[in-house]
Structure formats: C-alpha cells, structure tokens
C-alpha cells in the first residue's frame, strides 16, 4: 500500500511540475535584435485571452498576454523548428509595413542564446517574449484554441479576443497578409 501511495505521489508531481510561473525566475536576459515590449499591454484584462505573463526576451517589462491591446499577431516559434525559421521573414516583413498590426514573437521551448542567434541571422526585430517552458502554448491547447503543442503557431488577436489561431505549415508573406486582412480587418 505504501509503495502504491509513493508511486501515485511521484506521478502527480511529474504531471504538475515543480517550477515557478514567476517571470523573475526565468533565465537572465540575453541581448538580441528585438524591439522593446513596454507598449504591448493595455490596462484592461481580457477574459478570452490566456492569463499568462511572459518576460520580454531581452529584459525590461514583462507582458501579460491577457492585456494585449489592438490588433495583434502573435507568432510562437523556436530556433529548432524548421518551419518556424522559414516563416520568420514573413513576420519581420509584416512588422515593417505601414498600417500593420502589432507583431509579437514568443520564443517557445527554446534557449535564449539559440533564439537570439537565429533572430540576428534573420534580422528579426519585432518585440519578442521568452517562454522557455511553453506555458502560453500549453494554455492555448488547454483552452482549445490550438490542437497540439506543435510549432509554429500564430494567434490573431482583435479587440481582446482570439479571432483565429493558425497551426500548421510555415506561413509565407502572401498567406500571412491574407490572414491579417481576413481576421483583423487590416489591409497591409
């Protein structure tokens, strides 16, 4: 009986994890090419958006996902994800266009150094958050916005709501522009 109880307890600990969700417990910031994150959050909280707070990749102010304001395109990516590396140039291009929605990257289940090196190589400059353990991705799956923990994944946020969640093949510039028009009502 005692062995069974210990086994159940060990299994429960494995399933729940032992880490902290406190952003200050994250790995220290690493320099990267990314823009500041300070202007990404609004004062109000959306009940629709996951309430996950992530640190800005290079330090500075953390961003509470449930407080994103305006039209936002959120791209979850990792340096080890080949389709992610293929689509990052499309997001960089979108971020640089006139009238574009806010583009935010979320480095997911990756190491800072690897992500920073790839971002430098691909000239990624849009604001980027760091989610080493994939908390946002997991929450999006749990809330049934995404089907799996697979990358790449892109979330289109409009007026505090998830207008569309895309998960699949790498997006090219034409398809990304089409989705921005369709789900955010923004022509770029």
N, C-alpha and C. Protein backbone atom coordinates (compact mmCIF):
# COMPACT_ATOMS: atom_id res chain seq x y z
N UNK A 1 0.83 -1.19 0.00
CA UNK A 1 0.00 0.00 0.00
C UNK A 1 0.87 1.26 0.00
N UNK A 2 1.92 1.25 0.82
CA UNK A 2 2.80 2.41 0.92
C UNK A 2 3.50 2.67 -0.42
N UNK A 3 3.96 1.60 -1.07
CA UNK A 3 4.63 1.73 -2.36
C UNK A 3 3.67 2.35 -3.39
N UNK A 4 2.40 1.93 -3.36
CA UNK A 4 1.40 2.46 -4.29
C UNK A 4 1.21 3.96 -4.05
N UNK A 5 1.14 4.39 -2.80
CA UNK A 5 0.94 5.81 -2.46
C UNK A 5 2.13 6.64 -2.92
N UNK A 6 3.34 6.11 -2.73
CA UNK A 6 4.54 6.84 -3.17
C UNK A 6 4.54 6.96 -4.69
N UNK A 7 4.16 5.91 -5.39
CA UNK A 7 4.10 5.93 -6.86
C UNK A 7 3.09 6.96 -7.34
N UNK A 8 1.92 7.00 -6.73
CA UNK A 8 0.89 7.97 -7.11
C UNK A 8 1.38 9.39 -6.85
N UNK A 9 2.00 9.63 -5.71
CA UNK A 9 2.52 10.96 -5.39
C UNK A 9 3.60 11.38 -6.39
N UNK A 10 4.51 10.48 -6.72
CA UNK A 10 5.57 10.79 -7.69
C UNK A 10 4.96 11.12 -9.05
N UNK A 11 3.96 10.36 -9.46
CA UNK A 11 3.29 10.63 -10.73
C UNK A 11 2.60 11.99 -10.73
N UNK A 12 1.96 12.33 -9.62
CA UNK A 12 1.29 13.63 -9.53
C UNK A 12 2.29 14.77 -9.63
N UNK A 13 3.44 14.61 -8.98
CA UNK A 13 4.47 15.65 -9.07
C UNK A 13 5.00 15.79 -10.48
N UNK A 14 5.16 14.69 -11.18
CA UNK A 14 5.62 14.75 -12.57
C UNK A 14 4.61 15.48 -13.45
N UNK A 15 3.34 15.21 -13.24
CA UNK A 15 2.30 15.83 -14.06
C UNK A 15 2.13 17.31 -13.77
N UNK A 16 2.28 17.71 -12.53
CA UNK A 16 2.06 19.11 -12.19
C UNK A 16 3.30 19.95 -12.31
N UNK A 17 4.46 19.36 -12.28
CA UNK A 17 5.70 20.12 -12.39
C UNK A 17 6.06 20.74 -11.05
N UNK A 18 7.29 21.14 -10.95
CA UNK A 18 7.77 21.71 -9.70
C UNK A 18 8.30 23.12 -9.88
N UNK A 19 8.14 23.71 -11.03
CA UNK A 19 8.69 25.03 -11.31
C UNK A 19 7.76 26.14 -10.90
N UNK A 20 8.29 27.32 -10.93
CA UNK A 20 7.54 28.53 -10.62
C UNK A 20 7.10 29.19 -11.91
N UNK A 21 5.93 29.82 -11.91
CA UNK A 21 5.47 30.59 -13.06
C UNK A 21 5.88 32.05 -12.96
N UNK A 22 6.62 32.39 -11.94
CA UNK A 22 7.04 33.77 -11.74
C UNK A 22 8.07 34.15 -12.79
N UNK A 23 7.79 35.19 -13.63
CA UNK A 23 8.73 35.59 -14.67
C UNK A 23 10.12 35.92 -14.16
N UNK A 24 10.24 36.37 -12.92
CA UNK A 24 11.57 36.72 -12.41
C UNK A 24 12.42 35.48 -12.18
N UNK A 25 11.79 34.28 -12.20
CA UNK A 25 12.54 33.04 -12.07
C UNK A 25 13.10 32.56 -13.40
N UNK A 26 12.78 33.23 -14.48
CA UNK A 26 13.25 32.83 -15.80
C UNK A 26 14.75 33.08 -15.92
N UNK A 27 15.33 32.46 -16.95
CA UNK A 27 16.76 32.65 -17.20
C UNK A 27 17.04 34.13 -17.43
N UNK A 28 18.25 34.59 -17.14
CA UNK A 28 18.57 36.01 -17.32
C UNK A 28 18.47 36.41 -18.79
N UNK A 29 18.16 37.69 -19.04
CA UNK A 29 18.01 38.16 -20.41
C UNK A 29 19.32 38.05 -21.19
N UNK A 30 19.16 37.91 -22.49
CA UNK A 30 20.28 37.87 -23.42
C UNK A 30 20.04 38.96 -24.44
N UNK A 31 21.08 39.66 -24.82
CA UNK A 31 20.93 40.68 -25.86
C UNK A 31 20.41 40.03 -27.13
N UNK A 32 19.58 40.75 -27.83
CA UNK A 32 19.05 40.29 -29.11
C UNK A 32 18.60 41.49 -29.91
N UNK A 33 18.17 41.26 -31.12
CA UNK A 33 17.79 42.36 -32.00
C UNK A 33 16.38 42.88 -31.79
N UNK A 34 15.67 42.36 -30.81
CA UNK A 34 14.25 42.63 -30.66
C UNK A 34 13.94 44.02 -30.13
N UNK A 35 12.76 44.54 -30.51
CA UNK A 35 12.27 45.83 -30.03
C UNK A 35 11.80 45.70 -28.58
N UNK A 36 11.60 46.84 -27.93
CA UNK A 36 11.10 46.89 -26.56
C UNK A 36 9.68 46.31 -26.48
N UNK A 37 9.30 45.84 -25.30
CA UNK A 37 7.99 45.26 -25.07
C UNK A 37 7.08 46.17 -24.26
N UNK A 38 7.56 47.32 -23.82
CA UNK A 38 6.85 48.16 -22.86
C UNK A 38 5.48 48.62 -23.34
N UNK A 39 5.25 48.78 -24.63
CA UNK A 39 3.99 49.34 -25.12
C UNK A 39 2.98 48.27 -25.54
N UNK A 40 3.21 47.03 -25.22
CA UNK A 40 2.35 45.96 -25.73
C UNK A 40 1.09 45.74 -24.91
N UNK A 41 1.06 46.12 -23.65
CA UNK A 41 -0.07 45.80 -22.77
C UNK A 41 -1.00 46.98 -22.56
N UNK A 42 -2.29 46.65 -22.43
CA UNK A 42 -3.31 47.65 -22.10
C UNK A 42 -3.57 47.57 -20.59
N UNK A 43 -4.44 48.44 -20.10
CA UNK A 43 -4.77 48.45 -18.67
C UNK A 43 -5.86 47.44 -18.33
N UNK A 44 -6.60 46.97 -19.32
CA UNK A 44 -7.70 46.06 -19.07
C UNK A 44 -7.28 44.62 -19.37
N UNK A 45 -7.97 43.68 -18.73
CA UNK A 45 -7.69 42.26 -18.91
C UNK A 45 -8.83 41.63 -19.69
N UNK A 46 -8.50 40.81 -20.69
CA UNK A 46 -9.50 40.09 -21.46
C UNK A 46 -9.73 38.72 -20.84
N UNK A 47 -11.00 38.35 -20.68
CA UNK A 47 -11.31 37.03 -20.16
C UNK A 47 -11.05 35.96 -21.22
N UNK A 48 -11.04 36.35 -22.49
CA UNK A 48 -10.84 35.42 -23.60
C UNK A 48 -9.39 34.98 -23.74
N UNK A 49 -8.46 35.89 -23.52
CA UNK A 49 -7.05 35.59 -23.75
C UNK A 49 -6.43 34.89 -22.54
N UNK A 50 -5.52 33.95 -22.79
CA UNK A 50 -4.86 33.28 -21.66
C UNK A 50 -4.17 34.28 -20.74
N UNK A 51 -4.33 34.07 -19.45
CA UNK A 51 -3.72 34.97 -18.47
C UNK A 51 -2.33 34.45 -18.10
N UNK A 52 -1.41 34.61 -19.04
CA UNK A 52 -0.02 34.18 -18.88
C UNK A 52 0.86 35.41 -19.02
N UNK A 53 1.76 35.61 -18.07
CA UNK A 53 2.70 36.73 -18.12
C UNK A 53 4.07 36.19 -18.52
N UNK A 54 4.65 36.82 -19.55
CA UNK A 54 5.95 36.38 -20.06
C UNK A 54 6.95 37.53 -20.05
N UNK A 55 8.21 37.22 -19.79
CA UNK A 55 9.22 38.27 -19.81
C UNK A 55 9.58 38.67 -21.23
N UNK A 56 9.89 39.94 -21.40
CA UNK A 56 10.42 40.42 -22.67
C UNK A 56 11.76 39.70 -22.88
N UNK A 57 12.06 39.31 -24.10
CA UNK A 57 13.23 38.49 -24.38
C UNK A 57 14.52 39.08 -23.82
N UNK A 58 14.72 40.37 -24.01
CA UNK A 58 15.98 40.99 -23.61
C UNK A 58 15.90 41.70 -22.26
N UNK A 59 14.88 41.39 -21.48
CA UNK A 59 14.72 42.02 -20.18
C UNK A 59 13.69 43.13 -20.27
N UNK A 60 13.62 43.93 -19.26
CA UNK A 60 12.63 45.00 -19.25
C UNK A 60 11.29 44.49 -18.78
N UNK A 61 10.25 45.18 -19.18
CA UNK A 61 8.91 44.92 -18.71
C UNK A 61 8.35 43.60 -19.23
N UNK A 62 7.75 42.80 -18.34
CA UNK A 62 7.05 41.59 -18.75
C UNK A 62 5.73 41.97 -19.38
N UNK A 63 5.15 41.06 -20.15
CA UNK A 63 3.89 41.32 -20.84
C UNK A 63 2.86 40.28 -20.40
N UNK A 64 1.72 40.76 -19.99
CA UNK A 64 0.60 39.90 -19.63
C UNK A 64 -0.23 39.68 -20.88
N UNK A 65 -0.26 38.46 -21.36
CA UNK A 65 -0.92 38.14 -22.63
C UNK A 65 -2.38 38.58 -22.63
N UNK A 66 -3.06 38.46 -21.51
CA UNK A 66 -4.48 38.83 -21.44
C UNK A 66 -4.71 40.33 -21.51
N UNK A 67 -3.63 41.12 -21.56
CA UNK A 67 -3.76 42.57 -21.67
C UNK A 67 -3.29 43.11 -23.02
N UNK A 68 -3.10 42.24 -24.00
CA UNK A 68 -2.69 42.73 -25.32
C UNK A 68 -3.75 43.67 -25.86
N UNK A 69 -3.31 44.74 -26.52
CA UNK A 69 -4.27 45.74 -27.00
C UNK A 69 -4.23 45.84 -28.52
N UNK A 70 -5.39 46.18 -29.08
CA UNK A 70 -5.49 46.40 -30.53
C UNK A 70 -5.40 45.12 -31.33
N UNK A 71 -5.12 45.27 -32.61
CA UNK A 71 -4.91 44.13 -33.49
C UNK A 71 -3.48 43.63 -33.31
N UNK A 72 -3.35 42.34 -32.99
CA UNK A 72 -2.04 41.78 -32.69
C UNK A 72 -1.89 40.42 -33.37
N UNK A 73 -0.73 40.20 -33.95
CA UNK A 73 -0.36 38.90 -34.49
C UNK A 73 0.74 38.35 -33.60
N UNK A 74 0.48 37.20 -32.98
CA UNK A 74 1.43 36.58 -32.06
C UNK A 74 1.97 35.30 -32.70
N UNK A 75 3.27 35.27 -32.95
CA UNK A 75 3.90 34.11 -33.56
C UNK A 75 4.74 33.36 -32.53
N UNK A 76 4.36 32.12 -32.25
CA UNK A 76 5.11 31.27 -31.34
C UNK A 76 6.12 30.47 -32.16
N UNK A 77 7.41 30.58 -31.80
CA UNK A 77 8.45 29.95 -32.60
C UNK A 77 9.61 29.48 -31.74
N UNK A 78 10.48 28.68 -32.36
CA UNK A 78 11.70 28.21 -31.71
C UNK A 78 12.78 28.04 -32.77
N UNK A 79 14.02 28.18 -32.37
CA UNK A 79 15.12 28.08 -33.33
C UNK A 79 15.28 26.67 -33.87
N UNK A 80 14.86 25.66 -33.14
CA UNK A 80 14.99 24.27 -33.57
C UNK A 80 13.87 23.84 -34.52
N UNK A 81 12.87 24.68 -34.70
CA UNK A 81 11.69 24.38 -35.53
C UNK A 81 11.93 24.88 -36.96
N UNK A 82 12.13 23.96 -37.90
CA UNK A 82 12.45 24.32 -39.28
C UNK A 82 11.35 25.17 -39.92
N UNK A 83 10.05 24.80 -39.80
CA UNK A 83 9.01 25.67 -40.38
C UNK A 83 9.01 27.07 -39.76
N UNK A 84 9.35 27.16 -38.47
CA UNK A 84 9.43 28.48 -37.81
C UNK A 84 10.49 29.34 -38.48
N UNK A 85 11.64 28.75 -38.76
CA UNK A 85 12.72 29.52 -39.38
C UNK A 85 12.34 29.96 -40.79
N UNK A 86 11.51 29.17 -41.45
CA UNK A 86 11.06 29.53 -42.81
C UNK A 86 10.08 30.70 -42.79
N UNK A 87 9.24 30.78 -41.74
CA UNK A 87 8.21 31.82 -41.75
C UNK A 87 8.61 33.10 -41.04
N UNK A 88 9.65 33.11 -40.24
CA UNK A 88 10.06 34.33 -39.54
C UNK A 88 10.26 35.53 -40.47
N UNK A 89 10.85 35.37 -41.67
CA UNK A 89 10.98 36.53 -42.56
C UNK A 89 9.64 37.16 -42.94
N UNK A 90 8.58 36.37 -43.05
CA UNK A 90 7.26 36.91 -43.38
C UNK A 90 6.75 37.79 -42.24
N UNK A 91 6.99 37.38 -40.99
CA UNK A 91 6.56 38.18 -39.84
C UNK A 91 7.39 39.45 -39.71
N UNK A 92 8.67 39.35 -40.01
CA UNK A 92 9.54 40.53 -40.00
C UNK A 92 9.07 41.53 -41.05
N UNK A 93 8.73 41.04 -42.22
CA UNK A 93 8.24 41.91 -43.29
C UNK A 93 6.92 42.57 -42.88
N UNK A 94 6.00 41.78 -42.33
CA UNK A 94 4.71 42.32 -41.88
C UNK A 94 4.93 43.41 -40.84
N UNK A 95 5.79 43.17 -39.87
CA UNK A 95 6.03 44.14 -38.80
C UNK A 95 6.55 45.47 -39.33
N UNK A 96 7.23 45.45 -40.46
CA UNK A 96 7.80 46.67 -41.02
C UNK A 96 6.88 47.43 -41.95
N UNK A 97 5.68 46.90 -42.20
CA UNK A 97 4.77 47.55 -43.15
C UNK A 97 3.94 48.64 -42.49
N UNK A 98 3.62 49.64 -43.29
CA UNK A 98 2.74 50.72 -42.84
C UNK A 98 1.37 50.13 -42.55
N UNK A 99 0.72 50.59 -41.52
CA UNK A 99 -0.62 50.16 -41.11
C UNK A 99 -0.67 48.71 -40.61
N UNK A 100 0.47 48.09 -40.39
CA UNK A 100 0.48 46.70 -39.93
C UNK A 100 0.00 46.60 -38.49
N UNK A 101 -0.64 45.48 -38.13
CA UNK A 101 -0.95 45.26 -36.72
C UNK A 101 0.35 45.06 -35.95
N UNK A 102 0.27 45.07 -34.65
CA UNK A 102 1.44 44.78 -33.83
C UNK A 102 1.82 43.31 -34.02
N UNK A 103 3.09 43.06 -34.24
CA UNK A 103 3.60 41.70 -34.37
C UNK A 103 4.45 41.41 -33.14
N UNK A 104 4.15 40.30 -32.48
CA UNK A 104 4.88 39.88 -31.29
C UNK A 104 5.36 38.45 -31.50
N UNK A 105 6.61 38.21 -31.24
CA UNK A 105 7.13 36.85 -31.26
C UNK A 105 7.15 36.30 -29.85
N UNK A 106 6.99 34.99 -29.75
CA UNK A 106 7.14 34.31 -28.46
C UNK A 106 8.09 33.14 -28.68
N UNK A 107 9.31 33.28 -28.20
CA UNK A 107 10.28 32.18 -28.27
C UNK A 107 9.79 31.12 -27.29
N UNK A 108 9.49 29.93 -27.81
CA UNK A 108 8.80 28.89 -27.06
C UNK A 108 9.64 27.62 -26.97
N UNK A 109 9.79 27.09 -25.78
CA UNK A 109 10.55 25.86 -25.54
C UNK A 109 11.91 25.88 -26.24
N UNK A 110 12.65 26.93 -26.01
CA UNK A 110 13.94 27.12 -26.66
C UNK A 110 14.89 27.78 -25.67
N UNK A 111 16.13 27.87 -26.03
CA UNK A 111 17.14 28.55 -25.23
C UNK A 111 17.37 29.95 -25.78
N UNK A 112 17.63 30.88 -24.90
CA UNK A 112 17.81 32.28 -25.31
C UNK A 112 18.92 32.45 -26.33
N UNK A 113 20.06 31.84 -26.09
CA UNK A 113 21.19 32.01 -26.99
C UNK A 113 20.90 31.53 -28.40
N UNK A 114 20.26 30.37 -28.53
CA UNK A 114 19.91 29.83 -29.85
C UNK A 114 18.91 30.73 -30.56
N UNK A 115 17.91 31.20 -29.83
CA UNK A 115 16.89 32.07 -30.42
C UNK A 115 17.49 33.41 -30.84
N UNK A 116 18.36 33.97 -30.00
CA UNK A 116 18.98 35.26 -30.33
C UNK A 116 19.86 35.14 -31.56
N UNK A 117 20.60 34.04 -31.68
CA UNK A 117 21.46 33.83 -32.85
C UNK A 117 20.64 33.74 -34.13
N UNK A 118 19.53 33.00 -34.08
CA UNK A 118 18.67 32.88 -35.26
C UNK A 118 18.04 34.23 -35.60
N UNK A 119 17.58 34.94 -34.60
CA UNK A 119 16.95 36.24 -34.83
C UNK A 119 17.94 37.22 -35.46
N UNK A 120 19.18 37.19 -35.01
CA UNK A 120 20.22 38.05 -35.61
C UNK A 120 20.42 37.67 -37.08
N UNK A 121 20.52 36.38 -37.33
CA UNK A 121 20.74 35.89 -38.70
C UNK A 121 19.61 36.29 -39.64
N UNK A 122 18.36 36.22 -39.15
CA UNK A 122 17.19 36.51 -39.99
C UNK A 122 16.70 37.95 -39.86
N UNK A 123 17.40 38.78 -39.09
CA UNK A 123 17.06 40.20 -38.93
C UNK A 123 15.67 40.40 -38.32
N UNK A 124 15.33 39.58 -37.33
CA UNK A 124 14.06 39.69 -36.63
C UNK A 124 14.18 40.82 -35.62
N UNK A 125 13.31 41.83 -35.73
CA UNK A 125 13.40 42.98 -34.83
C UNK A 125 12.12 43.28 -34.06
N UNK A 126 11.02 42.59 -34.37
CA UNK A 126 9.77 42.89 -33.67
C UNK A 126 9.86 42.45 -32.21
N UNK A 127 9.03 43.05 -31.33
CA UNK A 127 9.08 42.69 -29.91
C UNK A 127 8.89 41.18 -29.72
N UNK A 128 9.68 40.62 -28.83
CA UNK A 128 9.64 39.17 -28.63
C UNK A 128 9.69 38.84 -27.15
N UNK A 129 8.85 37.89 -26.76
CA UNK A 129 8.76 37.42 -25.39
C UNK A 129 9.48 36.08 -25.28
N UNK A 130 9.77 35.67 -24.05
CA UNK A 130 10.51 34.42 -23.83
C UNK A 130 9.68 33.48 -22.97
N UNK A 131 9.42 32.27 -23.50
CA UNK A 131 8.61 31.27 -22.82
C UNK A 131 9.33 29.92 -22.89
N UNK A 132 10.38 29.80 -22.12
CA UNK A 132 11.25 28.62 -22.18
C UNK A 132 10.49 27.32 -21.96
N UNK A 133 9.50 27.35 -21.09
CA UNK A 133 8.76 26.12 -20.76
C UNK A 133 7.48 25.93 -21.56
N UNK A 134 7.15 26.87 -22.44
CA UNK A 134 5.97 26.71 -23.30
C UNK A 134 4.64 26.87 -22.58
N UNK A 135 4.60 27.73 -21.56
CA UNK A 135 3.36 27.91 -20.79
C UNK A 135 2.23 28.47 -21.65
N UNK A 136 2.53 29.45 -22.51
CA UNK A 136 1.48 30.03 -23.35
C UNK A 136 0.94 28.99 -24.33
N UNK A 137 1.82 28.27 -24.97
CA UNK A 137 1.41 27.24 -25.92
C UNK A 137 0.54 26.19 -25.24
N UNK A 138 0.96 25.72 -24.07
CA UNK A 138 0.19 24.73 -23.33
C UNK A 138 -1.19 25.28 -22.95
N UNK A 139 -1.25 26.52 -22.50
CA UNK A 139 -2.53 27.13 -22.13
C UNK A 139 -3.44 27.27 -23.34
N UNK A 140 -2.90 27.65 -24.48
CA UNK A 140 -3.71 27.77 -25.70
C UNK A 140 -4.29 26.41 -26.11
N UNK A 141 -3.54 25.34 -25.90
CA UNK A 141 -4.05 23.99 -26.18
C UNK A 141 -5.12 23.62 -25.16
N UNK A 142 -4.87 23.88 -23.89
CA UNK A 142 -5.85 23.56 -22.84
C UNK A 142 -7.16 24.30 -23.05
N UNK A 143 -7.09 25.54 -23.55
CA UNK A 143 -8.30 26.33 -23.80
C UNK A 143 -8.89 26.02 -25.18
N UNK A 144 -8.31 25.06 -25.87
CA UNK A 144 -8.79 24.58 -27.17
C UNK A 144 -8.72 25.62 -28.28
N UNK A 145 -7.78 26.56 -28.18
CA UNK A 145 -7.52 27.47 -29.29
C UNK A 145 -6.60 26.81 -30.30
N UNK A 146 -5.73 25.92 -29.82
CA UNK A 146 -4.82 25.15 -30.68
C UNK A 146 -5.06 23.67 -30.43
N UNK A 147 -4.73 22.85 -31.44
CA UNK A 147 -4.97 21.41 -31.33
C UNK A 147 -3.84 20.65 -30.66
N UNK A 148 -2.62 21.20 -30.73
CA UNK A 148 -1.48 20.48 -30.16
C UNK A 148 -0.41 21.47 -29.71
N UNK A 149 0.62 20.95 -29.09
CA UNK A 149 1.76 21.77 -28.66
C UNK A 149 2.77 21.95 -29.78
N UNK A 150 2.38 21.70 -31.01
CA UNK A 150 3.30 21.83 -32.14
C UNK A 150 3.55 23.26 -32.55
N UNK A 151 4.74 23.48 -33.08
CA UNK A 151 5.13 24.78 -33.62
C UNK A 151 5.35 24.62 -35.12
N UNK A 152 5.21 25.71 -35.85
CA UNK A 152 4.85 27.07 -35.44
C UNK A 152 3.35 27.19 -35.18
N UNK A 153 3.01 28.23 -34.45
CA UNK A 153 1.61 28.56 -34.18
C UNK A 153 1.49 30.08 -34.19
N UNK A 154 0.38 30.56 -34.73
CA UNK A 154 0.16 32.01 -34.82
C UNK A 154 -1.25 32.32 -34.35
N UNK A 155 -1.34 33.32 -33.48
CA UNK A 155 -2.61 33.75 -32.91
C UNK A 155 -2.91 35.16 -33.42
N UNK A 156 -4.13 35.37 -33.91
CA UNK A 156 -4.58 36.67 -34.39
C UNK A 156 -5.55 37.22 -33.34
N UNK A 157 -5.17 38.30 -32.68
CA UNK A 157 -5.96 38.88 -31.59
C UNK A 157 -6.59 40.18 -32.07
N UNK A 158 -7.90 40.29 -31.89
CA UNK A 158 -8.63 41.51 -32.26
C UNK A 158 -9.55 41.88 -31.12
N UNK A 159 -9.42 43.10 -30.64
CA UNK A 159 -10.28 43.61 -29.57
C UNK A 159 -10.33 42.68 -28.36
N UNK A 160 -9.17 42.18 -27.95
CA UNK A 160 -9.10 41.35 -26.76
C UNK A 160 -9.63 39.94 -26.93
N UNK A 161 -9.87 39.52 -28.15
CA UNK A 161 -10.39 38.18 -28.43
C UNK A 161 -9.46 37.47 -29.42
N UNK A 162 -9.40 36.17 -29.33
CA UNK A 162 -8.66 35.41 -30.33
C UNK A 162 -9.58 35.26 -31.53
N UNK A 163 -9.24 35.98 -32.60
CA UNK A 163 -10.04 35.94 -33.82
C UNK A 163 -9.77 34.68 -34.61
N UNK A 164 -8.52 34.20 -34.55
CA UNK A 164 -8.15 33.00 -35.30
C UNK A 164 -6.82 32.48 -34.75
N UNK A 165 -6.71 31.17 -34.73
CA UNK A 165 -5.45 30.52 -34.34
C UNK A 165 -5.02 29.61 -35.47
N UNK A 166 -3.82 29.82 -35.96
CA UNK A 166 -3.28 29.03 -37.07
C UNK A 166 -2.15 28.16 -36.56
N UNK A 167 -2.19 26.90 -36.96
CA UNK A 167 -1.13 25.98 -36.60
C UNK A 167 -0.95 25.04 -37.78
N UNK A 168 0.24 25.00 -38.32
CA UNK A 168 0.47 24.13 -39.47
C UNK A 168 1.72 24.52 -40.22
N UNK A 169 1.64 24.39 -41.53
CA UNK A 169 2.79 24.67 -42.39
C UNK A 169 3.24 26.12 -42.23
N UNK A 170 4.49 26.36 -42.54
CA UNK A 170 5.05 27.71 -42.44
C UNK A 170 4.24 28.69 -43.29
N UNK A 171 3.95 29.85 -42.72
CA UNK A 171 3.23 30.90 -43.44
C UNK A 171 4.21 31.68 -44.30
N UNK A 172 3.81 31.93 -45.55
CA UNK A 172 4.61 32.84 -46.37
C UNK A 172 3.96 34.22 -46.28
N UNK A 173 4.59 35.20 -46.88
CA UNK A 173 4.12 36.58 -46.76
C UNK A 173 2.70 36.76 -47.31
N UNK A 174 2.39 36.13 -48.44
CA UNK A 174 1.07 36.26 -49.05
C UNK A 174 -0.02 35.68 -48.15
N UNK A 175 0.20 34.49 -47.61
CA UNK A 175 -0.79 33.85 -46.75
C UNK A 175 -0.95 34.63 -45.44
N UNK A 176 0.15 35.10 -44.87
CA UNK A 176 0.08 35.88 -43.64
C UNK A 176 -0.70 37.17 -43.86
N UNK A 177 -0.45 37.86 -44.96
CA UNK A 177 -1.17 39.09 -45.29
C UNK A 177 -2.66 38.81 -45.46
N UNK A 178 -2.98 37.69 -46.11
CA UNK A 178 -4.39 37.30 -46.29
C UNK A 178 -5.07 37.06 -44.94
N UNK A 179 -4.41 36.37 -44.02
CA UNK A 179 -4.98 36.10 -42.70
C UNK A 179 -5.16 37.37 -41.88
N UNK A 180 -4.21 38.29 -41.98
CA UNK A 180 -4.32 39.58 -41.29
C UNK A 180 -5.53 40.35 -41.80
N UNK A 181 -5.73 40.35 -43.10
CA UNK A 181 -6.89 41.02 -43.69
C UNK A 181 -8.18 40.35 -43.24
N UNK A 182 -8.24 39.03 -43.34
CA UNK A 182 -9.46 38.30 -43.03
C UNK A 182 -9.84 38.37 -41.55
N UNK A 183 -8.89 38.19 -40.65
CA UNK A 183 -9.23 38.07 -39.24
C UNK A 183 -9.04 39.33 -38.41
N UNK A 184 -8.22 40.25 -38.89
CA UNK A 184 -8.03 41.51 -38.15
C UNK A 184 -8.62 42.70 -38.89
N UNK A 185 -9.03 42.48 -40.15
CA UNK A 185 -9.60 43.57 -40.94
C UNK A 185 -8.60 44.65 -41.29
N UNK A 186 -7.33 44.26 -41.41
CA UNK A 186 -6.27 45.22 -41.71
C UNK A 186 -5.66 44.88 -43.06
N UNK A 187 -5.66 45.86 -43.94
CA UNK A 187 -5.02 45.70 -45.25
C UNK A 187 -3.62 46.28 -45.17
N UNK A 188 -2.63 45.44 -45.47
CA UNK A 188 -1.23 45.90 -45.44
C UNK A 188 -0.60 45.73 -46.81
